Amino acid sequence: MKAEYDLSIMKRKGHPLRNKVSQGDIKLINPLDIPDKESKLAKLTSDERELVIELLEKYLAATEKEQATSL
């Protein structure tokens, strides 16, 4: 590592909007919360539809597992 890099002052600050999100000023949306899901899935090819359904099922299973462990 080069001598001019001082790791003691190199801190990770996080995203600039992190504080606003934690304060509730900004709400994050779930990109997988899709309105009119069935009509949009019908427009996909069969291969694309299978992939998207599989990804949505994995996401749903992960969120259910996360909610069960937080109780």
C-alpha atoms as a PDB file:
ATOM      1  CA  MET A   1       0.000   0.000   0.000  1.00  0.00           C
ATOM      2  CA  LYS A   2       1.281   3.458  -0.823  1.00  0.00           C
ATOM      3  CA  ALA A   3       2.532   5.633   2.014  1.00  0.00           C
ATOM      4  CA  GLU A   4       0.286   8.564   1.043  1.00  0.00           C
ATOM      5  CA  TYR A   5      -2.869   6.591   1.925  1.00  0.00           C
ATOM      6  CA  ASP A   6      -3.777   7.183   5.561  1.00  0.00           C
ATOM      7  CA  LEU A   7      -6.320   4.522   6.498  1.00  0.00           C
ATOM      8  CA  SER A   8      -7.082   6.176   9.829  1.00  0.00           C
ATOM      9  CA  ILE A   9      -8.860   9.058   8.053  1.00  0.00           C
ATOM     10  CA  MET A  10     -10.500   6.977   5.303  1.00  0.00           C
ATOM     11  CA  LYS A  11     -13.959   6.315   6.702  1.00  0.00           C
ATOM     12  CA  ARG A  12     -17.019   4.960   4.979  1.00  0.00           C
ATOM     13  CA  LYS A  13     -19.794   7.495   5.332  1.00  0.00           C
ATOM     14  CA  GLY A  14     -22.632   5.611   3.644  1.00  0.00           C
ATOM     15  CA  HIS A  15     -25.193   6.917   1.223  1.00  0.00           C
ATOM     16  CA  PRO A  16     -26.077  10.613   1.537  1.00  0.00           C
ATOM     17  CA  LEU A  17     -29.799   9.794   1.868  1.00  0.00           C
ATOM     18  CA  ARG A  18     -29.303   7.230   4.657  1.00  0.00           C
ATOM     19  CA  ASN A  19     -30.193   9.733   7.394  1.00  0.00           C
ATOM     20  CA  LYS A  20     -33.371  10.857   5.624  1.00  0.00           C
ATOM     21  CA  VAL A  21     -34.487   7.241   5.224  1.00  0.00           C
ATOM     22  CA  SER A  22     -33.833   6.437   8.879  1.00  0.00           C
ATOM     23  CA  GLN A  23     -35.731   9.579   9.946  1.00  0.00           C
ATOM     24  CA  GLY A  24     -38.691   8.614   7.766  1.00  0.00           C
ATOM     25  CA  ASP A  25     -38.450  11.620   5.451  1.00  0.00           C
ATOM     26  CA  ILE A  26     -37.992   9.306   2.470  1.00  0.00           C
ATOM     27  CA  LYS A  27     -39.627   5.901   2.043  1.00  0.00           C
ATOM     28  CA  LEU A  28     -37.954   3.212  -0.021  1.00  0.00           C
ATOM     29  CA  ILE A  29     -40.087   1.224  -2.422  1.00  0.00           C
ATOM     30  CA  ASN A  30     -39.863  -2.478  -3.042  1.00  0.00           C
ATOM     31  CA  PRO A  31     -38.872  -3.019  -6.687  1.00  0.00           C
ATOM     32  CA  LEU A  32     -40.569  -6.421  -6.635  1.00  0.00           C
ATOM     33  CA  ASP A  33     -43.945  -5.025  -5.539  1.00  0.00           C
ATOM     34  CA  ILE A  34     -45.337  -4.929  -9.074  1.00  0.00           C
ATOM     35  CA  PRO A  35     -48.849  -3.622  -9.764  1.00  0.00           C
ATOM     36  CA  ASP A  36     -50.831  -5.655 -12.323  1.00  0.00           C
ATOM     37  CA  LYS A  37     -48.335  -8.484 -11.947  1.00  0.00           C
ATOM     38  CA  GLU A  38     -50.392 -11.059 -13.836  1.00  0.00           C
ATOM     39  CA  SER A  39     -50.916  -8.898 -16.919  1.00  0.00           C
ATOM     40  CA  LYS A  40     -47.232  -7.988 -17.029  1.00  0.00           C
ATOM     41  CA  LEU A  41     -46.161 -11.605 -16.632  1.00  0.00           C
ATOM     42  CA  ALA A  42     -48.468 -12.586 -19.495  1.00  0.00           C
ATOM     43  CA  LYS A  43     -46.530 -10.274 -21.829  1.00  0.00           C
ATOM     44  CA  LEU A  44     -43.257 -12.131 -21.217  1.00  0.00           C
ATOM     45  CA  THR A  45     -42.031 -15.133 -23.141  1.00  0.00           C
ATOM     46  CA  SER A  46     -42.381 -18.468 -21.374  1.00  0.00           C
ATOM     47  CA  ASP A  47     -38.677 -18.594 -20.473  1.00  0.00           C
ATOM     48  CA  GLU A  48     -38.706 -15.048 -19.123  1.00  0.00           C
ATOM     49  CA  ARG A  49     -41.924 -15.729 -17.206  1.00  0.00           C
ATOM     50  CA  GLU A  50     -40.463 -18.827 -15.546  1.00  0.00           C
ATOM     51  CA  LEU A  51     -37.347 -16.908 -14.507  1.00  0.00           C
ATOM     52  CA  VAL A  52     -39.312 -13.975 -13.063  1.00  0.00           C
ATOM     53  CA  ILE A  53     -41.714 -16.251 -11.190  1.00  0.00           C
ATOM     54  CA  GLU A  54     -38.783 -18.194  -9.735  1.00  0.00           C
ATOM     55  CA  LEU A  55     -37.085 -14.973  -8.607  1.00  0.00           C
ATOM     56  CA  LEU A  56     -40.305 -13.669  -7.054  1.00  0.00           C
ATOM     57  CA  GLU A  57     -40.831 -16.954  -5.198  1.00  0.00           C
ATOM     58  CA  LYS A  58     -37.263 -16.863  -3.860  1.00  0.00           C
ATOM     59  CA  TYR A  59     -37.755 -13.288  -2.700  1.00  0.00           C
ATOM     60  CA  LEU A  60     -41.056 -14.162  -1.017  1.00  0.00           C
ATOM     61  CA  ALA A  61     -39.486 -17.158   0.737  1.00  0.00           C
ATOM     62  CA  ALA A  62     -36.566 -15.043   1.944  1.00  0.00           C
ATOM     63  CA  THR A  63     -38.814 -12.292   3.309  1.00  0.00           C
ATOM     64  CA  GLU A  64     -41.046 -14.826   5.063  1.00  0.00           C
ATOM     65  CA  LYS A  65     -37.984 -16.455   6.609  1.00  0.00           C
ATOM     66  CA  GLU A  66     -36.671 -13.052   7.705  1.00  0.00           C
ATOM     67  CA  GLN A  67     -40.007 -12.139   9.284  1.00  0.00           C
ATOM     68  CA  ALA A  68     -40.191 -15.493  11.095  1.00  0.00           C
ATOM     69  CA  THR A  69     -36.736 -15.064  12.598  1.00  0.00           C
ATOM     70  CA  SER A  70     -37.446 -11.495  13.715  1.00  0.00           C
ATOM     71  CA  LEU A  71     -40.424 -12.605  15.830  1.00  0.00           C
END
